[in-house]
């Protein structure tokens, strides 16, 4: 969430600067470059706390410490499996006995 927030701050800074530079008739390429550099400088100087939080969230996500993301289908499958096990206590699920191919195909 912190990364999204910081990205939105930079976008909100970039858009009016880009429009201003287009209005000043710098051309679209120069307007993109100037607006990008100015948005970077402003966000670097004035939004240090948000930048640090965004960097920390990225570091946590890609360092392997974060919980794995699960798709809606995986969550539904896990819920169905939990309901099955709760309804039938004699059923056991042994995922370690399944081959990798059968886990990917769902069989």
Protein backbone atom coordinates (compact mmCIF):
# COMPACT_ATOMS: atom_id res chain seq x y z
CA UNK A 1 0.00 0.00 0.00
CA UNK A 2 2.87 2.37 0.78
CA UNK A 3 4.34 1.82 -2.69
CA UNK A 4 1.00 2.61 -4.32
CA UNK A 5 0.60 5.74 -2.21
CA UNK A 6 4.09 7.00 -3.12
CA UNK A 7 3.52 6.21 -6.80
CA UNK A 8 0.25 8.16 -6.76
CA UNK A 9 2.00 11.13 -5.14
CA UNK A 10 4.59 11.12 -7.91
CA UNK A 11 1.89 10.80 -10.57
CA UNK A 12 -0.05 13.71 -9.07
CA UNK A 13 3.16 15.77 -9.20
CA UNK A 14 4.02 14.65 -12.73
CA UNK A 15 0.68 15.29 -14.46
CA UNK A 16 0.34 19.06 -13.87
CA UNK A 17 4.04 19.62 -14.56
CA UNK A 18 3.71 17.73 -17.82
CA UNK A 19 0.66 19.80 -18.76
CA UNK A 20 2.50 23.00 -17.86
CA UNK A 21 5.50 22.12 -20.01
CA UNK A 22 3.23 21.18 -22.91
CA UNK A 23 1.46 24.52 -22.47
CA UNK A 24 4.85 26.23 -22.64
CA UNK A 25 5.36 24.40 -25.97
CA UNK A 26 8.49 22.49 -25.04
CA UNK A 27 7.42 19.48 -27.08
CA UNK A 28 6.16 16.23 -25.64
CA UNK A 29 9.56 14.54 -25.21
CA UNK A 30 11.15 17.47 -23.42
CA UNK A 31 7.96 17.95 -21.39
CA UNK A 32 8.09 14.31 -20.25
CA UNK A 33 11.75 14.58 -19.31
CA UNK A 34 11.41 17.88 -17.45
CA UNK A 35 8.22 16.87 -15.65
CA UNK A 36 9.74 13.54 -14.68
CA UNK A 37 12.90 15.12 -13.30
CA UNK A 38 10.97 17.78 -11.39
CA UNK A 39 8.47 15.26 -9.98
CA UNK A 40 11.40 13.10 -8.89
CA UNK A 41 13.19 16.03 -7.24
CA UNK A 42 10.08 17.28 -5.42
CA UNK A 43 9.14 13.81 -4.19
CA UNK A 44 12.73 13.10 -3.15
CA UNK A 45 13.00 16.32 -1.14
CA UNK A 46 9.54 16.61 0.40
CA UNK A 47 8.16 13.07 0.65
CA UNK A 48 11.00 11.24 2.39
CA UNK A 49 8.76 9.41 4.87
CA UNK A 50 6.52 8.04 2.09
CA UNK A 51 9.56 7.07 -0.01
CA UNK A 52 11.10 5.20 2.92
CA UNK A 53 7.83 3.36 3.60
CA UNK A 54 7.54 2.41 -0.09
CA UNK A 55 11.14 1.16 -0.15
CA UNK A 56 10.54 -0.87 3.02
CA UNK A 57 7.40 -2.48 1.58
CA UNK A 58 9.25 -3.40 -1.63
CA UNK A 59 12.15 -4.79 0.37
CA UNK A 60 9.83 -6.90 2.49
CA UNK A 61 7.90 -8.18 -0.55
CA UNK A 62 10.99 -9.26 -2.51
CA UNK A 63 13.22 -10.42 0.34
CA UNK A 64 11.18 -13.57 0.92
CA UNK A 65 9.90 -12.49 4.33
CA UNK A 66 6.41 -11.65 3.05
CA UNK A 67 3.54 -14.09 3.07
CA UNK A 68 2.89 -15.58 -0.37
CA UNK A 69 0.09 -14.04 -2.37
CA UNK A 70 -2.81 -16.36 -3.11
CA UNK A 71 -5.24 -16.08 -5.96
CA UNK A 72 -9.00 -16.18 -5.41
CA UNK A 73 -9.06 -19.70 -6.86
CA UNK A 74 -6.42 -20.91 -4.41
CA UNK A 75 -8.33 -19.38 -1.49
CA UNK A 76 -11.57 -21.03 -2.68
CA UNK A 77 -9.80 -24.39 -3.03
CA UNK A 78 -8.32 -24.11 0.46
CA UNK A 79 -11.73 -23.21 1.91
CA UNK A 80 -13.37 -26.19 0.16
CA UNK A 81 -10.64 -28.46 1.43
CA UNK A 82 -11.09 -27.13 4.97
CA UNK A 83 -14.85 -27.71 4.78
CA UNK A 84 -14.28 -31.27 3.55
CA UNK A 85 -11.86 -32.04 6.35
CA UNK A 86 -14.22 -30.49 8.93
CA UNK A 87 -17.20 -32.46 7.62
CA UNK A 88 -15.28 -35.76 7.41
CA UNK A 89 -12.73 -36.07 10.22
CA UNK A 90 -11.55 -39.44 8.88
CA UNK A 91 -10.24 -37.79 5.67
CA UNK A 92 -6.61 -36.67 5.73
CA UNK A 93 -4.89 -34.43 3.21
CA UNK A 94 -1.27 -35.19 2.47
CA UNK A 95 0.06 -32.61 0.03
CA UNK A 96 3.64 -33.88 0.43
CA UNK A 97 2.66 -37.19 -1.24
CA UNK A 98 1.44 -35.49 -4.39
CA UNK A 99 3.73 -34.97 -7.36
CA UNK A 100 4.50 -31.51 -8.60
CA UNK A 101 2.61 -32.13 -11.88
CA UNK A 102 -0.56 -33.19 -10.11
CA UNK A 103 -0.45 -30.03 -7.93
CA UNK A 104 -0.18 -27.82 -11.03
CA UNK A 105 -2.95 -29.55 -12.96
CA UNK A 106 -5.22 -29.91 -9.94
CA UNK A 107 -5.66 -33.68 -10.22
